[in-house]
């Protein structure tokens, strides 16, 4: 049971794109073709969970990324490992405390082009009321008619966000590092 609870906080890190600026075109998240995954180690064994509900506001021109914004909101109660007993624990106070903190968010503050469809997004990640600045590498590729897929991964420390509080602060049971991976399918992003 303890190991299942540890993974949920990491899923939130899966980054939150920013809110639209006046100039860049707005893109629409296709949630049914997107995913946010978090991976933590429980007793040294990697365990993978997902967030089932999230939304993003993306105003971003890949040819002029510095003027764009990305905002992401993740429903913390939707975190799960696919194991009913563990999934029931994740929304509780020691983990995501969804009753008091129903959303984890990411708000971009800077987007930088690295070339070849690769970008670096810096912004504020807020989970359970704790906010940290994170930098997330993002790759964007065309995916058919007027669709693009943004992918990436980054690592956070769950204890920075008080995920796995109280008896769960023991990192020998649930590791502190949580890898967040995302695949966000967007419609109307614009040409790369």
N, C-alpha and C. Protein backbone atom coordinates (compact mmCIF):
# COMPACT_ATOMS: atom_id res chain seq x y z
N UNK A 1 0.81 -1.19 0.00
CA UNK A 1 0.00 0.00 0.00
C UNK A 1 0.86 1.25 0.00
N UNK A 2 1.89 1.25 0.80
CA UNK A 2 2.73 2.44 0.90
C UNK A 2 3.37 2.77 -0.44
N UNK A 3 3.77 1.78 -1.16
CA UNK A 3 4.45 2.05 -2.42
C UNK A 3 3.53 2.69 -3.43
N UNK A 4 2.28 2.34 -3.42
CA UNK A 4 1.33 2.89 -4.38
C UNK A 4 1.13 4.37 -4.16
N UNK A 5 1.13 4.81 -2.93
CA UNK A 5 0.89 6.21 -2.61
C UNK A 5 2.02 7.10 -3.08
N UNK A 6 3.20 6.59 -3.16
CA UNK A 6 4.36 7.40 -3.49
C UNK A 6 4.37 7.88 -4.92
N UNK A 7 3.77 7.16 -5.79
CA UNK A 7 3.84 7.49 -7.21
C UNK A 7 2.97 8.66 -7.61
N UNK A 8 1.90 8.85 -6.95
CA UNK A 8 0.94 9.88 -7.35
C UNK A 8 1.55 11.26 -7.42
N UNK A 9 2.38 11.68 -6.48
CA UNK A 9 2.89 13.04 -6.50
C UNK A 9 3.71 13.32 -7.75
N UNK A 10 4.30 12.30 -8.28
CA UNK A 10 5.20 12.50 -9.41
C UNK A 10 4.46 12.78 -10.69
N UNK A 11 3.28 12.27 -10.75
CA UNK A 11 2.50 12.44 -11.96
C UNK A 11 2.20 13.90 -12.19
N UNK A 12 2.06 14.64 -11.17
CA UNK A 12 1.74 16.05 -11.27
C UNK A 12 2.82 16.83 -11.98
N UNK A 13 3.99 16.35 -11.86
CA UNK A 13 5.10 17.07 -12.45
C UNK A 13 5.08 17.04 -13.95
N UNK A 14 4.29 16.18 -14.46
CA UNK A 14 4.28 15.99 -15.88
C UNK A 14 4.00 17.22 -16.67
N UNK A 15 4.19 18.26 -16.56
CA UNK A 15 4.20 19.68 -16.77
C UNK A 15 2.96 20.31 -17.29
N UNK A 16 2.87 21.56 -16.95
CA UNK A 16 1.68 22.30 -17.27
C UNK A 16 2.00 23.43 -18.20
N UNK A 17 1.54 23.37 -19.42
CA UNK A 17 1.75 24.42 -20.38
C UNK A 17 0.95 25.68 -20.06
N UNK A 18 1.41 26.84 -20.52
CA UNK A 18 0.90 28.14 -20.12
C UNK A 18 -0.34 28.65 -20.80
N UNK A 19 -0.77 29.76 -20.32
CA UNK A 19 -2.00 30.37 -20.78
C UNK A 19 -1.70 31.29 -21.96
N UNK A 20 -2.63 31.37 -22.86
CA UNK A 20 -2.41 32.05 -24.13
C UNK A 20 -2.06 33.52 -23.99
N UNK A 21 -1.10 33.95 -24.78
CA UNK A 21 -0.76 35.36 -24.88
C UNK A 21 -1.60 35.95 -25.99
N UNK A 22 -1.46 37.24 -26.22
CA UNK A 22 -2.31 37.91 -27.21
C UNK A 22 -1.98 37.48 -28.63
N UNK A 23 -0.71 37.21 -28.93
CA UNK A 23 -0.32 36.98 -30.30
C UNK A 23 -0.25 35.53 -30.75
N UNK A 24 0.37 34.63 -29.99
CA UNK A 24 0.52 33.27 -30.51
C UNK A 24 -0.84 32.59 -30.68
N UNK A 25 -0.95 31.72 -31.69
CA UNK A 25 -2.21 31.01 -31.90
C UNK A 25 -2.46 30.02 -30.76
N UNK A 26 -3.71 29.85 -30.41
CA UNK A 26 -4.07 28.91 -29.36
C UNK A 26 -4.21 27.52 -29.96
N UNK A 27 -3.69 26.53 -29.26
CA UNK A 27 -3.83 25.13 -29.67
C UNK A 27 -4.77 24.46 -28.68
N UNK A 28 -5.40 23.38 -29.12
CA UNK A 28 -6.35 22.67 -28.28
C UNK A 28 -5.77 21.30 -27.91
N UNK A 29 -5.82 20.98 -26.60
CA UNK A 29 -5.36 19.68 -26.12
C UNK A 29 -6.38 18.61 -26.51
N UNK A 30 -5.90 17.52 -27.10
CA UNK A 30 -6.74 16.36 -27.40
C UNK A 30 -6.49 15.35 -26.28
N UNK A 31 -7.25 15.46 -25.20
CA UNK A 31 -7.01 14.69 -23.98
C UNK A 31 -7.06 13.18 -24.21
N UNK A 32 -7.94 12.73 -25.11
CA UNK A 32 -8.06 11.29 -25.36
C UNK A 32 -6.84 10.71 -26.08
N UNK A 33 -5.98 11.58 -26.60
CA UNK A 33 -4.74 11.12 -27.27
C UNK A 33 -3.51 11.57 -26.49
N UNK A 34 -3.69 11.95 -25.23
CA UNK A 34 -2.61 12.48 -24.41
C UNK A 34 -2.48 11.67 -23.13
N UNK A 35 -1.31 11.77 -22.49
CA UNK A 35 -1.12 11.09 -21.22
C UNK A 35 -0.06 11.76 -20.37
N UNK A 36 -0.24 11.64 -19.06
CA UNK A 36 0.77 12.09 -18.10
C UNK A 36 1.03 10.89 -17.18
N UNK A 37 2.29 10.47 -17.15
CA UNK A 37 2.72 9.29 -16.40
C UNK A 37 3.71 9.74 -15.33
N UNK A 38 3.66 9.09 -14.16
CA UNK A 38 4.67 9.33 -13.14
C UNK A 38 5.24 7.99 -12.69
N UNK A 39 6.55 7.97 -12.45
CA UNK A 39 7.22 6.73 -12.06
C UNK A 39 8.04 7.01 -10.81
N UNK A 40 7.77 6.21 -9.76
CA UNK A 40 8.56 6.30 -8.54
C UNK A 40 9.09 4.91 -8.22
N UNK A 41 10.01 4.86 -7.29
CA UNK A 41 10.52 3.55 -6.86
C UNK A 41 9.96 3.25 -5.48
N UNK A 42 9.36 2.07 -5.37
CA UNK A 42 8.85 1.60 -4.10
C UNK A 42 9.66 0.38 -3.71
N UNK A 43 10.38 0.53 -2.60
CA UNK A 43 11.27 -0.54 -2.15
C UNK A 43 12.26 -0.88 -3.26
N UNK A 44 12.70 0.15 -4.01
CA UNK A 44 13.68 -0.01 -5.08
C UNK A 44 13.12 -0.47 -6.42
N UNK A 45 11.81 -0.72 -6.49
CA UNK A 45 11.20 -1.22 -7.72
C UNK A 45 10.40 -0.09 -8.39
N UNK A 46 10.66 0.21 -9.68
CA UNK A 46 9.90 1.26 -10.36
C UNK A 46 8.41 0.91 -10.44
N UNK A 47 7.57 1.88 -10.11
CA UNK A 47 6.12 1.72 -10.17
C UNK A 47 5.58 2.89 -10.99
N UNK A 48 4.70 2.57 -11.95
CA UNK A 48 4.19 3.58 -12.87
C UNK A 48 2.72 3.87 -12.60
N UNK A 49 2.40 5.16 -12.56
CA UNK A 49 1.03 5.60 -12.40
C UNK A 49 0.68 6.63 -13.46
N UNK A 50 -0.59 7.00 -13.51
CA UNK A 50 -1.03 7.99 -14.49
C UNK A 50 -2.03 8.95 -13.84
N UNK A 51 -2.15 10.11 -14.46
CA UNK A 51 -3.24 11.03 -14.15
C UNK A 51 -4.25 10.87 -15.27
N UNK A 52 -5.48 10.63 -14.90
CA UNK A 52 -6.51 10.38 -15.90
C UNK A 52 -7.22 11.65 -16.37
N UNK A 53 -7.16 12.73 -15.58
CA UNK A 53 -7.84 13.97 -15.95
C UNK A 53 -6.87 15.15 -15.86
N UNK A 54 -6.75 15.87 -16.97
CA UNK A 54 -5.90 17.06 -17.00
C UNK A 54 -6.33 17.90 -18.20
N UNK A 55 -5.94 19.16 -18.16
CA UNK A 55 -6.27 20.08 -19.25
C UNK A 55 -5.09 21.02 -19.44
N UNK A 56 -4.99 21.60 -20.62
CA UNK A 56 -3.90 22.52 -20.92
C UNK A 56 -4.40 23.66 -21.78
N UNK A 57 -3.84 24.85 -21.57
CA UNK A 57 -4.05 25.99 -22.44
C UNK A 57 -2.69 26.31 -23.05
N UNK A 58 -2.64 26.25 -24.35
CA UNK A 58 -1.38 26.42 -25.06
C UNK A 58 -1.54 27.53 -26.09
N UNK A 59 -0.74 28.58 -25.95
CA UNK A 59 -0.67 29.66 -26.93
C UNK A 59 0.80 29.78 -27.31
N UNK A 60 1.15 29.20 -28.43
CA UNK A 60 2.56 28.96 -28.70
C UNK A 60 2.77 28.83 -30.20
N UNK A 61 3.67 29.65 -30.75
CA UNK A 61 4.07 29.54 -32.15
C UNK A 61 5.45 28.90 -32.16
N UNK A 62 5.59 27.67 -32.67
CA UNK A 62 6.88 27.01 -32.65
C UNK A 62 7.99 27.81 -33.35
N UNK A 63 7.61 28.71 -34.26
CA UNK A 63 8.62 29.52 -34.96
C UNK A 63 9.03 30.75 -34.14
N UNK A 64 8.22 31.13 -33.14
CA UNK A 64 8.53 32.25 -32.25
C UNK A 64 8.15 31.84 -30.82
N UNK A 65 8.83 30.85 -30.27
CA UNK A 65 8.42 30.27 -28.98
C UNK A 65 8.51 31.22 -27.80
N UNK A 66 9.42 32.19 -27.88
CA UNK A 66 9.63 33.08 -26.73
C UNK A 66 8.39 33.89 -26.36
N UNK A 67 7.44 34.03 -27.25
CA UNK A 67 6.22 34.78 -26.95
C UNK A 67 5.07 33.89 -26.50
N UNK A 68 5.31 32.59 -26.36
CA UNK A 68 4.23 31.66 -26.03
C UNK A 68 4.07 31.40 -24.55
N UNK A 69 2.93 30.79 -24.23
CA UNK A 69 2.68 30.38 -22.85
C UNK A 69 2.00 29.02 -22.85
N UNK A 70 2.24 28.29 -21.79
CA UNK A 70 1.61 26.98 -21.60
C UNK A 70 1.16 26.91 -20.14
N UNK A 71 -0.08 26.49 -19.93
CA UNK A 71 -0.61 26.29 -18.58
C UNK A 71 -1.25 24.91 -18.52
N UNK A 72 -0.96 24.18 -17.47
CA UNK A 72 -1.49 22.83 -17.31
C UNK A 72 -2.15 22.71 -15.95
N UNK A 73 -3.32 22.07 -15.92
CA UNK A 73 -4.01 21.78 -14.67
C UNK A 73 -4.25 20.28 -14.63
N UNK A 74 -3.87 19.67 -13.51
CA UNK A 74 -4.03 18.22 -13.35
C UNK A 74 -4.95 17.97 -12.17
N UNK A 75 -5.94 17.13 -12.38
CA UNK A 75 -6.87 16.73 -11.33
C UNK A 75 -6.17 15.71 -10.45
N UNK A 76 -5.80 16.12 -9.22
CA UNK A 76 -5.02 15.24 -8.35
C UNK A 76 -5.79 13.99 -7.94
N UNK A 77 -7.11 14.07 -7.87
CA UNK A 77 -7.90 12.90 -7.49
C UNK A 77 -7.91 11.83 -8.58
N UNK A 78 -7.43 12.18 -9.78
CA UNK A 78 -7.43 11.22 -10.89
C UNK A 78 -6.16 10.39 -10.95
N UNK A 79 -5.23 10.58 -10.01
CA UNK A 79 -3.98 9.81 -10.00
C UNK A 79 -4.26 8.36 -9.64
N UNK A 80 -3.59 7.47 -10.32
CA UNK A 80 -3.78 6.06 -9.99
C UNK A 80 -2.71 5.17 -10.57
N UNK A 81 -2.60 3.99 -9.95
CA UNK A 81 -1.67 2.95 -10.41
C UNK A 81 -2.41 1.78 -11.04
N UNK A 82 -3.73 1.86 -11.02
CA UNK A 82 -4.51 0.74 -11.52
C UNK A 82 -4.70 -0.36 -10.49
N UNK A 83 -4.39 -0.06 -9.24
CA UNK A 83 -4.57 -1.00 -8.13
C UNK A 83 -5.55 -0.34 -7.16
N UNK A 84 -6.75 -0.86 -7.05
CA UNK A 84 -7.79 -0.17 -6.27
C UNK A 84 -7.37 0.28 -4.87
N UNK A 85 -6.67 -0.55 -4.13
CA UNK A 85 -6.30 -0.18 -2.76
C UNK A 85 -5.35 1.02 -2.76
N UNK A 86 -4.40 1.02 -3.65
CA UNK A 86 -3.45 2.14 -3.75
C UNK A 86 -4.14 3.39 -4.29
N UNK A 87 -4.97 3.20 -5.29
CA UNK A 87 -5.66 4.33 -5.90
C UNK A 87 -6.54 5.05 -4.89
N UNK A 88 -7.08 4.32 -3.93
CA UNK A 88 -7.92 4.92 -2.89
C UNK A 88 -7.09 5.77 -1.93
N UNK A 89 -5.79 5.48 -1.80
CA UNK A 89 -4.93 6.22 -0.88
C UNK A 89 -4.39 7.52 -1.47
N UNK A 90 -4.16 7.56 -2.76
CA UNK A 90 -3.51 8.71 -3.39
C UNK A 90 -4.21 10.05 -3.15
N UNK A 91 -5.55 10.13 -3.16
CA UNK A 91 -6.21 11.43 -2.92
C UNK A 91 -6.16 11.87 -1.46
N UNK A 92 -5.75 10.99 -0.55
CA UNK A 92 -5.76 11.31 0.88
C UNK A 92 -4.65 12.29 1.26
N UNK A 93 -4.80 12.88 2.46
CA UNK A 93 -3.91 13.95 2.93
C UNK A 93 -2.41 13.64 2.84
N UNK A 94 -1.93 12.46 3.21
CA UNK A 94 -0.48 12.25 3.13
C UNK A 94 0.07 12.34 1.71
N UNK A 95 -0.76 12.07 0.72
CA UNK A 95 -0.29 12.05 -0.66
C UNK A 95 -0.67 13.34 -1.37
N UNK A 96 -1.76 13.35 -2.13
CA UNK A 96 -2.13 14.55 -2.88
C UNK A 96 -3.10 15.47 -2.15
N UNK A 97 -3.73 14.99 -1.12
CA UNK A 97 -4.70 15.78 -0.35
C UNK A 97 -5.66 16.51 -1.31
N UNK A 98 -6.31 15.71 -2.15
CA UNK A 98 -7.18 16.25 -3.20
C UNK A 98 -8.34 17.08 -2.65
N UNK A 99 -8.77 16.83 -1.43
CA UNK A 99 -9.87 17.61 -0.85
C UNK A 99 -9.46 19.07 -0.66
N UNK A 100 -8.20 19.31 -0.30
CA UNK A 100 -7.71 20.68 -0.10
C UNK A 100 -6.94 21.22 -1.31
N UNK A 101 -6.37 20.33 -2.11
CA UNK A 101 -5.56 20.73 -3.27
C UNK A 101 -6.02 19.91 -4.49
N UNK A 102 -7.19 20.26 -5.05
CA UNK A 102 -7.75 19.44 -6.13
C UNK A 102 -6.97 19.47 -7.44
N UNK A 103 -6.08 20.46 -7.59
CA UNK A 103 -5.32 20.55 -8.84
C UNK A 103 -3.83 20.77 -8.57
N UNK A 104 -3.02 20.18 -9.41
CA UNK A 104 -1.61 20.51 -9.51
C UNK A 104 -1.52 21.33 -10.79
N UNK A 105 -0.64 22.33 -10.82
CA UNK A 105 -0.57 23.21 -12.00
C UNK A 105 0.87 23.45 -12.44
N UNK A 106 0.98 23.78 -13.71
CA UNK A 106 2.25 24.26 -14.26
C UNK A 106 1.91 25.51 -15.05
N UNK A 107 2.69 26.57 -14.87
CA UNK A 107 2.52 27.80 -15.65
C UNK A 107 3.89 28.19 -16.18
N UNK A 108 4.01 28.23 -17.49
CA UNK A 108 5.30 28.57 -18.09
C UNK A 108 5.63 30.04 -17.86
N UNK A 109 6.92 30.33 -17.78
CA UNK A 109 7.40 31.71 -17.69
C UNK A 109 8.37 32.02 -18.82
N UNK A 110 8.92 30.98 -19.45
CA UNK A 110 9.85 31.17 -20.57
C UNK A 110 9.88 29.92 -21.43
N UNK A 111 9.92 30.12 -22.75
CA UNK A 111 10.05 29.01 -23.70
C UNK A 111 11.20 29.36 -24.63
N UNK A 112 12.12 28.42 -24.77
CA UNK A 112 13.32 28.66 -25.58
C UNK A 112 13.45 27.56 -26.63
N UNK A 113 13.71 27.96 -27.88
CA UNK A 113 13.94 26.99 -28.96
C UNK A 113 15.37 26.46 -28.87
N UNK A 114 15.51 25.14 -29.04
CA UNK A 114 16.84 24.52 -29.04
C UNK A 114 17.19 23.97 -30.43
N UNK A 115 16.24 24.06 -31.37
CA UNK A 115 16.45 23.56 -32.73
C UNK A 115 15.91 22.16 -32.92
N UNK A 116 15.61 21.80 -34.17
CA UNK A 116 15.12 20.47 -34.53
C UNK A 116 13.89 20.03 -33.75
N UNK A 117 12.94 20.94 -33.53
CA UNK A 117 11.71 20.59 -32.83
C UNK A 117 11.85 20.39 -31.34
N UNK A 118 12.98 20.86 -30.80
CA UNK A 118 13.22 20.72 -29.35
C UNK A 118 13.15 22.09 -28.69
N UNK A 119 12.55 22.10 -27.50
CA UNK A 119 12.34 23.33 -26.75
C UNK A 119 12.64 23.10 -25.28
N UNK A 120 12.83 24.19 -24.58
CA UNK A 120 13.03 24.15 -23.14
C UNK A 120 11.99 25.07 -22.52
N UNK A 121 11.14 24.54 -21.65
CA UNK A 121 10.11 25.34 -20.99
C UNK A 121 10.43 25.45 -19.51
N UNK A 122 10.47 26.67 -19.05
CA UNK A 122 10.69 26.94 -17.63
C UNK A 122 9.40 27.52 -17.07
N UNK A 123 9.06 27.12 -15.86
CA UNK A 123 7.85 27.64 -15.25
C UNK A 123 7.69 27.15 -13.84
N UNK A 124 6.55 27.51 -13.25
CA UNK A 124 6.26 27.16 -11.86
C UNK A 124 5.35 25.94 -11.81
N UNK A 125 5.83 24.92 -11.10
CA UNK A 125 5.05 23.71 -10.85
C UNK A 125 4.54 23.79 -9.41
N UNK A 126 3.22 23.69 -9.27
CA UNK A 126 2.61 23.76 -7.94
C UNK A 126 1.87 22.46 -7.67
N UNK A 127 2.25 21.82 -6.59
CA UNK A 127 1.61 20.58 -6.14
C UNK A 127 1.37 20.72 -4.65
N UNK A 128 0.16 20.48 -4.23
CA UNK A 128 -0.18 20.48 -2.81
C UNK A 128 0.21 21.79 -2.14
N UNK A 129 0.07 22.89 -2.86
CA UNK A 129 0.35 24.21 -2.33
C UNK A 129 1.81 24.62 -2.35
N UNK A 130 2.71 23.72 -2.72
CA UNK A 130 4.15 24.04 -2.79
C UNK A 130 4.50 24.34 -4.24
N UNK A 131 5.24 25.43 -4.47
CA UNK A 131 5.61 25.85 -5.82
C UNK A 131 7.12 25.84 -5.99
N UNK A 132 7.59 25.24 -7.06
CA UNK A 132 9.02 25.21 -7.41
C UNK A 132 9.15 25.55 -8.89
N UNK A 133 10.26 26.18 -9.24
CA UNK A 133 10.56 26.45 -10.65
C UNK A 133 11.20 25.20 -11.23
N UNK A 134 10.67 24.76 -12.37
CA UNK A 134 11.22 23.59 -13.06
C UNK A 134 11.51 23.96 -14.51
N UNK A 135 12.47 23.27 -15.10
CA UNK A 135 12.77 23.42 -16.52
C UNK A 135 12.55 22.07 -17.16
N UNK A 136 11.73 22.07 -18.20
CA UNK A 136 11.29 20.82 -18.83
C UNK A 136 11.72 20.80 -20.29
N UNK A 137 12.46 19.77 -20.71
CA UNK A 137 12.76 19.62 -22.13
C UNK A 137 11.54 19.06 -22.86
N UNK A 138 11.22 19.64 -24.00
CA UNK A 138 10.04 19.23 -24.76
C UNK A 138 10.42 19.04 -26.23
N UNK A 139 9.99 17.93 -26.78
CA UNK A 139 10.14 17.69 -28.22
C UNK A 139 8.77 17.77 -28.86
N UNK A 140 8.67 18.43 -30.00
CA UNK A 140 7.39 18.56 -30.69
C UNK A 140 7.55 18.01 -32.10
N UNK A 141 6.59 17.15 -32.50
CA UNK A 141 6.62 16.55 -33.83
C UNK A 141 5.22 16.62 -34.44
N UNK A 142 5.17 16.77 -35.76
CA UNK A 142 3.88 16.74 -36.47
C UNK A 142 3.30 15.34 -36.36
N UNK A 143 1.95 15.28 -36.26
CA UNK A 143 1.29 13.98 -36.09
C UNK A 143 0.03 13.92 -36.93
N UNK A 144 0.15 14.21 -38.21
CA UNK A 144 -1.01 14.12 -39.08
C UNK A 144 -1.66 15.47 -39.29
N UNK A 145 -2.88 15.43 -39.79
CA UNK A 145 -3.57 16.65 -40.19
C UNK A 145 -3.80 17.61 -39.03
N UNK A 146 -3.07 18.70 -39.04
CA UNK A 146 -3.21 19.79 -38.07
C UNK A 146 -3.02 19.36 -36.62
N UNK A 147 -2.26 18.27 -36.40
CA UNK A 147 -1.98 17.82 -35.04
C UNK A 147 -0.48 17.74 -34.82
N UNK A 148 -0.10 17.99 -33.57
CA UNK A 148 1.29 17.87 -33.14
C UNK A 148 1.31 17.14 -31.81
N UNK A 149 2.44 16.50 -31.54
CA UNK A 149 2.60 15.80 -30.27
C UNK A 149 3.81 16.37 -29.55
N UNK A 150 3.58 16.83 -28.31
CA UNK A 150 4.65 17.34 -27.45
C UNK A 150 4.98 16.25 -26.44
N UNK A 151 6.26 15.87 -26.37
CA UNK A 151 6.67 14.82 -25.44
C UNK A 151 7.86 15.30 -24.62
N UNK A 152 8.02 14.70 -23.47
CA UNK A 152 9.16 15.03 -22.64
C UNK A 152 9.10 14.30 -21.31
N UNK A 153 10.15 14.48 -20.53
CA UNK A 153 10.18 13.91 -19.19
C UNK A 153 11.10 14.75 -18.34
N UNK A 154 10.84 14.73 -17.05
CA UNK A 154 11.67 15.43 -16.10
C UNK A 154 11.49 14.74 -14.75
N UNK A 155 12.37 15.05 -13.82
CA UNK A 155 12.34 14.42 -12.50
C UNK A 155 12.13 15.47 -11.43
N UNK A 156 11.27 15.15 -10.48
CA UNK A 156 11.07 16.02 -9.32
C UNK A 156 11.33 15.21 -8.05
N UNK A 157 11.43 15.91 -6.95
CA UNK A 157 11.56 15.27 -5.65
C UNK A 157 10.22 15.42 -4.95
N UNK A 158 9.57 14.32 -4.66
CA UNK A 158 8.22 14.34 -4.11
C UNK A 158 8.16 15.08 -2.78
N UNK A 159 9.21 14.99 -1.96
CA UNK A 159 9.19 15.62 -0.64
C UNK A 159 9.23 17.15 -0.74
N UNK A 160 9.72 17.69 -1.86
CA UNK A 160 9.66 19.14 -2.08
C UNK A 160 8.22 19.63 -2.12
N UNK A 161 7.31 18.73 -2.47
CA UNK A 161 5.89 19.06 -2.61
C UNK A 161 5.03 18.42 -1.52
N UNK A 162 5.68 17.84 -0.52
CA UNK A 162 4.99 17.18 0.60
C UNK A 162 4.06 16.06 0.14
N UNK A 163 4.47 15.38 -0.90
CA UNK A 163 3.71 14.23 -1.39
C UNK A 163 4.32 12.99 -0.74
N UNK A 164 3.51 12.31 0.04
CA UNK A 164 4.03 11.22 0.85
C UNK A 164 4.52 11.80 2.16
N UNK A 165 3.63 12.47 2.86
CA UNK A 165 3.94 13.15 4.12
C UNK A 165 3.85 12.17 5.28
N UNK A 166 4.28 12.64 6.45
CA UNK A 166 4.18 11.82 7.66
C UNK A 166 5.07 10.60 7.57
N UNK A 167 4.46 9.42 7.83
CA UNK A 167 5.23 8.18 7.82
C UNK A 167 5.84 7.87 6.46
N UNK A 168 5.34 8.52 5.41
CA UNK A 168 5.82 8.24 4.05
C UNK A 168 7.05 9.05 3.66
N UNK A 169 7.60 9.82 4.57
CA UNK A 169 8.81 10.58 4.25
C UNK A 169 10.05 9.69 4.20
N UNK A 170 9.94 8.46 4.62
CA UNK A 170 11.05 7.50 4.58
C UNK A 170 11.31 7.12 3.12
N UNK A 171 12.42 7.62 2.57
CA UNK A 171 12.71 7.39 1.15
C UNK A 171 13.25 5.99 0.87
N UNK A 172 13.49 5.18 1.91
CA UNK A 172 13.89 3.80 1.66
C UNK A 172 12.68 2.96 1.26
N UNK A 173 11.49 3.43 1.61
CA UNK A 173 10.26 2.73 1.24
C UNK A 173 9.77 3.25 -0.11
N UNK A 174 9.59 4.55 -0.18
CA UNK A 174 9.20 5.19 -1.44
C UNK A 174 10.28 6.21 -1.78
N UNK A 175 10.90 6.07 -2.93
CA UNK A 175 11.98 6.96 -3.31
C UNK A 175 11.53 8.41 -3.43
N UNK A 176 12.48 9.32 -3.26
CA UNK A 176 12.17 10.75 -3.35
C UNK A 176 12.03 11.20 -4.80
N UNK A 177 12.82 10.62 -5.70
CA UNK A 177 12.76 11.01 -7.11
C UNK A 177 11.52 10.43 -7.78
N UNK A 178 10.84 11.29 -8.52
CA UNK A 178 9.70 10.85 -9.31
C UNK A 178 9.90 11.37 -10.73
N UNK A 179 9.90 10.47 -11.67
CA UNK A 179 10.01 10.86 -13.08
C UNK A 179 8.62 11.12 -13.62
N UNK A 180 8.48 12.25 -14.30
CA UNK A 180 7.22 12.58 -14.94
C UNK A 180 7.45 12.55 -16.45
N UNK A 181 6.58 11.80 -17.14
CA UNK A 181 6.65 11.72 -18.60
C UNK A 181 5.30 12.17 -19.15
N UNK A 182 5.34 12.85 -20.27
CA UNK A 182 4.09 13.31 -20.85
C UNK A 182 4.11 13.18 -22.37
N UNK A 183 2.91 13.02 -22.89
CA UNK A 183 2.66 13.05 -24.33
C UNK A 183 1.37 13.83 -24.48
N UNK A 184 1.48 15.04 -25.00
CA UNK A 184 0.33 15.91 -25.17
C UNK A 184 0.06 16.09 -26.65
N UNK A 185 -1.08 15.63 -27.12
CA UNK A 185 -1.46 15.78 -28.52
C UNK A 185 -2.27 17.06 -28.65
N UNK A 186 -1.83 17.92 -29.55
CA UNK A 186 -2.43 19.24 -29.72
C UNK A 186 -2.94 19.44 -31.14
N UNK A 187 -4.09 20.10 -31.25
CA UNK A 187 -4.64 20.47 -32.55
C UNK A 187 -4.45 21.95 -32.75
N UNK A 188 -3.99 22.36 -33.94
CA UNK A 188 -3.87 23.77 -34.27
C UNK A 188 -2.64 24.46 -33.72
N UNK A 189 -1.57 23.72 -33.43
CA UNK A 189 -0.36 24.33 -32.89
C UNK A 189 0.33 25.24 -33.89
N UNK A 190 0.28 24.92 -35.14
CA UNK A 190 1.01 25.69 -36.14
C UNK A 190 2.21 24.91 -36.64
N UNK A 191 2.75 25.31 -37.78
CA UNK A 191 3.86 24.56 -38.38
C UNK A 191 5.14 24.67 -37.57
N UNK A 192 5.92 23.60 -37.63
CA UNK A 192 7.21 23.55 -36.90
C UNK A 192 8.30 24.20 -37.73
